Protein backbone atom coordinates (compact mmCIF):
# COMPACT_ATOMS: atom_id res chain seq x y z
CA MET A 1 -17.11 -9.01 -22.99
CA ALA A 2 -18.45 -6.54 -19.85
CA ILE A 3 -20.76 -8.63 -16.98
CA ASN A 4 -22.21 -4.92 -14.33
CA ASN A 5 -19.26 -2.73 -15.40
CA ILE A 6 -16.55 -5.60 -15.10
CA TYR A 7 -14.76 -7.24 -17.70
CA GLU A 8 -15.14 -10.60 -17.78
CA ILE A 9 -11.43 -12.95 -17.54
CA PRO A 10 -10.35 -16.25 -17.33
CA GLU A 11 -10.35 -17.66 -14.10
CA THR A 12 -6.31 -18.54 -14.14
CA PHE A 13 -5.92 -14.30 -13.64
CA LEU A 14 -8.44 -14.50 -10.51
CA THR A 15 -6.29 -16.15 -8.75
CA ARG A 16 -7.47 -16.51 -4.98
CA THR A 17 -5.57 -14.85 -2.08
CA ASN A 18 -2.53 -17.52 -1.91
CA HIS A 19 0.03 -15.60 0.68
CA GLU A 20 -0.57 -14.11 3.98
CA TYR A 21 1.27 -11.02 4.16
CA PRO A 22 1.64 -8.97 6.94
CA PRO A 23 0.72 -11.74 9.39
CA ASN A 24 -3.25 -11.90 9.91
CA ASN A 25 -3.91 -10.82 6.62
CA LYS A 26 -6.16 -13.64 4.51
CA MET A 27 -6.83 -11.36 1.68
CA VAL A 28 -5.37 -8.91 -0.07
CA PHE A 29 -7.21 -5.76 -1.37
CA GLU A 30 -7.28 -6.65 -5.48
CA GLU A 31 -9.63 -9.75 -3.57
CA TYR A 32 -11.51 -7.52 -1.77
CA PHE A 33 -12.19 -4.84 -4.46
CA PHE A 34 -13.40 -7.48 -6.59
CA ASP A 35 -15.42 -9.40 -4.55
CA ARG A 36 -16.91 -6.04 -3.29
CA PHE A 37 -17.69 -4.97 -6.26
CA ASN A 38 -19.42 -7.74 -7.83
CA GLU A 39 -21.48 -7.55 -4.62
CA ILE A 40 -22.63 -3.68 -5.01
CA ASN A 41 -22.03 -3.49 -8.57
CA PRO A 42 -21.75 0.01 -8.54
CA ASP A 43 -22.31 2.75 -11.23
CA VAL A 44 -19.15 3.43 -13.13
CA ASP A 45 -17.27 5.01 -15.68
CA ARG A 46 -14.99 3.12 -16.82
CA THR A 47 -14.56 -1.20 -16.94
CA TYR A 48 -13.17 -2.73 -14.50
CA LEU A 49 -10.43 -5.01 -15.63
CA PRO A 50 -10.48 -7.38 -12.69
CA ILE A 51 -7.13 -9.37 -12.63
CA GLN A 52 -5.74 -10.27 -9.58
CA TRP A 53 -2.08 -8.99 -9.94
CA THR A 54 -0.82 -10.09 -6.43
CA SER A 55 -1.94 -13.24 -6.07
CA PHE A 56 -1.49 -14.34 -10.46
CA TYR A 57 1.82 -13.43 -9.97
CA ILE A 58 2.90 -15.18 -6.55
CA SER A 59 1.17 -18.06 -8.78
CA ARG A 60 3.95 -17.62 -11.04
CA ASP A 61 6.41 -18.14 -8.46
CA TYR A 62 7.09 -14.33 -8.33
CA VAL A 63 6.74 -14.00 -12.45
CA ASN A 64 9.89 -16.48 -12.86
CA HIS A 65 7.64 -18.82 -14.61
CA SER A 66 6.08 -17.45 -17.91
CA ILE A 67 3.02 -15.32 -17.75
CA GLN A 68 2.34 -15.14 -22.10
CA ASP A 69 -0.96 -16.34 -21.42
CA LEU A 70 -2.17 -12.91 -19.77
CA GLN A 71 -0.50 -11.05 -22.51
CA GLU A 72 -2.63 -13.33 -25.21
CA PHE A 73 -5.50 -12.42 -22.92
CA ILE A 74 -4.60 -8.15 -22.63
CA ASP A 75 -3.71 -8.84 -26.32
CA THR A 76 -7.29 -9.59 -26.81
CA LEU A 77 -9.25 -6.54 -24.78
CA PRO A 78 -11.01 -3.89 -26.97
CA ARG A 79 -8.72 -0.80 -27.65
CA ASN A 80 -12.49 1.21 -27.63
CA LYS A 81 -13.18 0.49 -23.69
CA LYS A 82 -12.25 2.49 -20.90
CA TYR A 83 -10.54 0.27 -17.60
CA PHE A 84 -9.91 0.70 -14.64
CA THR A 85 -7.86 -2.19 -12.39
CA ILE A 86 -6.12 -2.35 -8.77
CA VAL A 87 -2.67 -3.75 -8.48
CA GLN A 88 -0.64 -3.71 -5.24
CA TRP A 89 2.28 -5.33 -6.83
CA ASP A 90 5.44 -3.62 -6.06
CA ASP A 91 6.85 -3.44 -9.52
CA GLY A 92 2.81 -2.60 -10.44
CA ILE A 93 1.93 -4.38 -13.30
CA LEU A 94 5.51 -4.32 -15.38
CA ASP A 95 4.74 -3.15 -18.16
CA VAL A 96 7.06 -2.74 -20.73
CA ALA A 97 6.17 0.84 -20.99
CA ARG A 98 8.07 1.26 -17.21
CA PRO A 99 11.99 0.57 -17.91
CA PHE A 100 11.96 -2.84 -15.95
CA ASP A 101 16.00 -4.45 -15.75
CA LYS A 102 15.34 -7.04 -13.09
CA GLY A 103 15.10 -9.61 -15.92
CA LYS A 104 11.47 -10.30 -15.55
CA PRO A 105 8.89 -10.97 -18.41
CA VAL A 106 6.77 -7.46 -19.23
CA LEU A 107 3.65 -6.70 -20.75
CA ASN A 108 2.29 -4.77 -23.41
CA LEU A 109 -0.17 -2.87 -22.90
CA ASP A 110 -0.28 -0.08 -26.28
CA GLY A 111 -3.03 1.19 -27.06
CA LEU A 112 -5.13 0.38 -23.75
CA ASP A 113 -6.34 3.08 -21.80
CA ILE A 114 -6.24 2.04 -18.07
CA ILE A 115 -5.62 3.64 -14.66
CA LYS A 116 -3.63 1.90 -12.11
CA PHE A 117 -4.88 2.63 -8.96
CA SER A 118 -1.69 1.08 -7.50
CA SER A 119 -0.81 0.76 -4.25
CA GLY A 120 2.49 -0.97 -4.46
CA GLY A 121 4.22 2.10 -6.02
CA VAL A 122 4.05 1.77 -9.40
CA GLY A 123 0.69 3.31 -10.76
CA ASP A 124 -1.36 6.06 -12.21
CA TYR A 125 -2.83 7.01 -8.34
CA PRO A 126 -1.08 6.42 -5.25
CA ILE A 127 -4.09 4.05 -2.64
CA PRO A 128 -2.82 2.83 0.38
CA LEU A 129 -0.94 -0.42 0.79
CA ILE A 130 -3.49 -1.82 3.57
CA ASN A 131 -4.27 -4.81 5.50
CA GLN A 132 -7.12 -6.10 7.13
CA PRO A 133 -7.18 -4.66 10.54
CA HIS A 134 -5.24 -5.79 13.42
CA GLU A 135 -6.96 -5.82 17.14
CA MET A 136 -6.24 -3.34 19.33
CA VAL A 137 -4.94 -3.07 22.80
CA THR A 138 -5.28 0.25 24.20
CA LYS A 139 -1.68 0.34 25.84
CA ASP A 140 0.81 3.57 27.30
CA ARG A 141 2.74 4.76 24.73
CA ASP A 142 5.72 4.28 26.64
CA ILE A 143 8.02 4.17 23.94
CA PHE A 144 9.07 7.43 21.83
CA SER A 145 9.60 6.21 18.47
CA SER A 146 9.86 2.37 17.21
CA PHE A 147 10.19 -0.08 13.87
CA VAL A 148 11.04 -3.31 13.77
CA GLY A 149 11.51 -5.68 10.99
CA ARG A 150 13.03 -6.76 7.85
CA MET A 151 15.87 -4.68 6.75
CA THR A 152 14.70 -4.95 3.06
CA HIS A 153 16.62 -1.92 1.41
CA PRO A 154 19.27 0.32 2.02
CA LEU A 155 16.89 3.41 3.53
CA ARG A 156 16.03 0.41 6.29
CA GLN A 157 19.65 -0.50 7.24
CA SER A 158 20.52 3.70 7.11
CA LEU A 159 17.15 4.69 9.11
CA ALA A 160 18.45 1.73 11.61
CA LYS A 161 22.17 2.72 12.20
CA HIS A 162 20.59 6.65 12.54
CA THR A 163 18.21 5.77 15.36
CA GLN A 164 19.85 3.18 17.39
CA ASN A 165 20.28 2.97 20.99
CA LYS A 166 19.25 6.78 21.24
CA PRO A 167 17.28 6.86 23.88
CA GLY A 168 13.53 6.78 23.36
CA TYR A 169 13.80 4.84 20.00
CA PHE A 170 12.97 1.15 20.07
CA VAL A 171 14.67 -0.66 16.49
CA LYS A 172 14.87 -4.64 16.30
CA GLY A 173 14.80 -6.86 13.09
CA LEU A 174 12.34 -9.55 13.53
CA LEU A 175 11.08 -10.32 16.27
CA GLY A 176 8.11 -12.32 15.56
CA PHE A 177 4.17 -11.02 15.44
CA PRO A 178 3.11 -10.42 18.71
CA GLN A 179 6.05 -8.83 19.65
CA PHE A 180 5.58 -6.37 16.20
CA LYS A 181 2.39 -5.25 17.61
CA ASP A 182 3.44 -5.04 21.03
CA VAL A 183 5.91 -2.60 20.45
CA MET A 184 3.66 -0.58 17.70
CA GLU A 185 0.96 -0.52 20.29
CA ARG A 186 2.82 1.17 23.11
CA SER A 187 5.12 3.32 20.75
CA VAL A 188 4.19 7.76 19.89
CA PHE A 189 5.46 7.39 15.98
CA ALA A 190 5.94 4.29 14.21
CA LEU A 191 9.02 4.34 11.85
CA CYS A 192 7.86 3.33 8.52
CA PRO A 193 10.67 3.76 6.41
CA ARG A 194 9.65 2.24 2.79
CA GLY A 195 10.58 -1.89 1.50
CA TYR A 196 11.45 -3.42 -1.43
CA GLY A 197 8.49 -1.05 -2.85
CA ARG A 198 7.97 2.54 -2.54
CA SER A 199 5.66 2.30 0.24
CA SER A 200 5.15 -0.05 3.69
CA PHE A 201 2.30 -1.49 5.04
CA ARG A 202 3.18 -0.03 8.61
CA ILE A 203 1.69 3.47 7.54
CA ASN A 204 -1.70 1.51 7.49
CA GLU A 205 -0.82 -0.07 10.84
CA ALA A 206 0.80 2.77 12.68
CA LEU A 207 -3.02 3.85 12.00
CA ASN A 208 -4.72 1.35 13.09
CA LEU A 209 -2.75 0.69 15.75
CA GLY A 210 -3.21 4.16 17.15
CA ALA A 211 0.65 5.38 16.42
CA ILE A 212 1.69 8.24 14.00
CA PRO A 213 3.16 7.21 11.26
CA VAL A 214 6.24 8.65 10.17
CA TYR A 215 7.12 7.88 6.43
CA VAL A 216 10.72 7.41 4.71
CA TYR A 217 10.93 7.93 1.74
CA ASP A 218 13.26 8.51 -1.38
CA GLU A 219 10.41 8.28 -3.97
CA PRO A 220 7.22 8.97 -2.22
CA TRP A 221 4.13 7.17 -3.35
CA ILE A 222 1.42 9.20 -1.41
CA PRO A 223 -2.34 8.00 -0.77
CA PHE A 224 -4.77 10.38 -1.95
CA LYS A 225 -2.82 13.81 -2.20
CA ASP A 226 -5.00 15.42 -3.41
CA GLU A 227 -7.72 14.50 -0.51
CA ILE A 228 -5.96 14.70 2.53
CA ASP A 229 -2.60 15.74 3.78
CA PHE A 230 0.05 12.89 5.12
CA THR A 231 1.70 15.69 7.32
CA GLU A 232 -1.92 16.51 9.29
CA TYR A 233 -1.26 12.42 10.76
CA GLY A 234 2.05 11.64 9.80
CA VAL A 235 5.93 13.06 9.84
CA LEU A 236 7.52 12.90 6.24
CA VAL A 237 11.23 12.25 5.98
CA PRO A 238 12.68 12.25 2.64
CA SER A 239 15.81 10.24 2.94
CA HIS A 240 18.54 13.23 2.54
CA GLU A 241 16.83 14.66 6.07
CA MET A 242 17.59 10.75 7.94
CA GLY A 243 20.14 12.34 9.77
CA ASN A 244 17.69 15.01 11.53
CA ILE A 245 14.95 12.39 12.27
CA ASP A 246 15.22 12.45 16.02
CA LYS A 247 15.23 16.64 15.95
CA ILE A 248 11.85 16.46 13.11
CA LEU A 249 10.10 13.98 15.85
CA LYS A 250 11.35 15.84 19.21
CA SER A 251 9.93 19.28 17.69
CA PHE A 252 6.39 18.22 18.16
CA THR A 253 4.33 19.75 21.78
CA ASP A 254 2.06 16.90 23.22
CA GLU A 255 -0.44 18.54 22.11
CA ASP A 256 0.28 18.46 18.20
CA ILE A 257 0.76 15.07 18.53
CA SER A 258 -2.50 15.06 20.25
CA LYS A 259 -4.19 16.58 16.86
CA MET A 260 -2.48 13.33 14.62
CA ARG A 261 -2.91 10.96 16.53
CA GLU A 262 -6.85 12.13 16.77
CA LYS A 263 -6.87 12.75 12.84
CA GLY A 264 -4.87 9.90 11.97
CA ARG A 265 -8.39 7.37 13.69
CA GLU A 266 -10.43 9.11 11.23
CA VAL A 267 -8.57 9.17 8.23
CA TYR A 268 -7.95 5.43 9.00
CA ASP A 269 -12.01 4.82 8.80
CA ASN A 270 -12.30 7.15 6.21
CA TYR A 271 -8.98 5.85 3.74
CA TYR A 272 -7.59 2.38 4.65
CA LYS A 273 -10.00 0.46 5.46
CA TYR A 274 -10.98 -1.72 3.40
CA GLU A 275 -14.32 -0.65 2.38
CA SER A 276 -13.49 3.17 3.11
CA CYS A 277 -10.63 2.44 0.26
CA PHE A 278 -13.26 0.93 -1.98
CA ASP A 279 -15.88 4.13 -1.76
CA LYS A 280 -12.68 6.39 -2.90
CA ILE A 281 -11.42 4.49 -5.23
CA ILE A 282 -14.98 3.98 -6.93
CA GLU A 283 -15.10 8.00 -6.86
CA LYS A 284 -11.46 8.33 -7.91
CA VAL A 285 -12.89 6.38 -11.32
CA ASN A 286 -15.85 8.54 -11.78
CA THR A 287 -13.96 12.23 -11.69
CA TRP A 288 -10.88 10.86 -13.57
CA LYS A 289 -9.70 13.71 -15.37
CA LYS A 290 -13.56 15.37 -16.33
């Protein structure tokens, strides 16, 4: 049944945040959205389905264990209602309608009219992959461009080869969070190649810490692109242009960089913070293809 535009679901599927990624992120956006929705009870045209996809999937050993109970619950949902949900999981809801060849269980959503607002890269509408903010420390921007992190995708490995040892670039593997944050706070451009999913937390972290995000992608997943132009606050580099990344970044003047950083602060406040992203999603629900 629906309560205040939220569909009542078993506690099993309301799993609270059970991991901390990125560091210091103690509440995933899915959980924040659920708590905030309950708090203010916004007027929405669709029923919110508050399954905590990411934390639930993790609780099932990253979907290596059965999710048949979730399928059984989904089968009970009235098909005459319209729903929406928030999903951060990189592979989305694991819908059988999407080809998925990694041997994981999949769900059958046949007959459901459901909008999937997705930050991970699989869904109906892209929202940013966001985390709770880091406390920014103002520092001299003495690094032209940087990347610190795991090489979780071949694209990242290729990017490292194209930028390693170039003057002005700082490209390293894992250094620990304090060093990661320090490098980001000192960088003009923050390289944000996709990871396992189509997006990266680094885009949000770059905006949070005052750097210009450089989204390197093969399959783009650009949040709120019908409202904001990513190129006003960041740089888009498709994978086939990776070899030209130094030329691309050095084409920006000091004035360009200043404007992009200023726009980045505005976009971060209005779209990438938990509360503002929540508000934008509610707006989208109520204007969806009307």
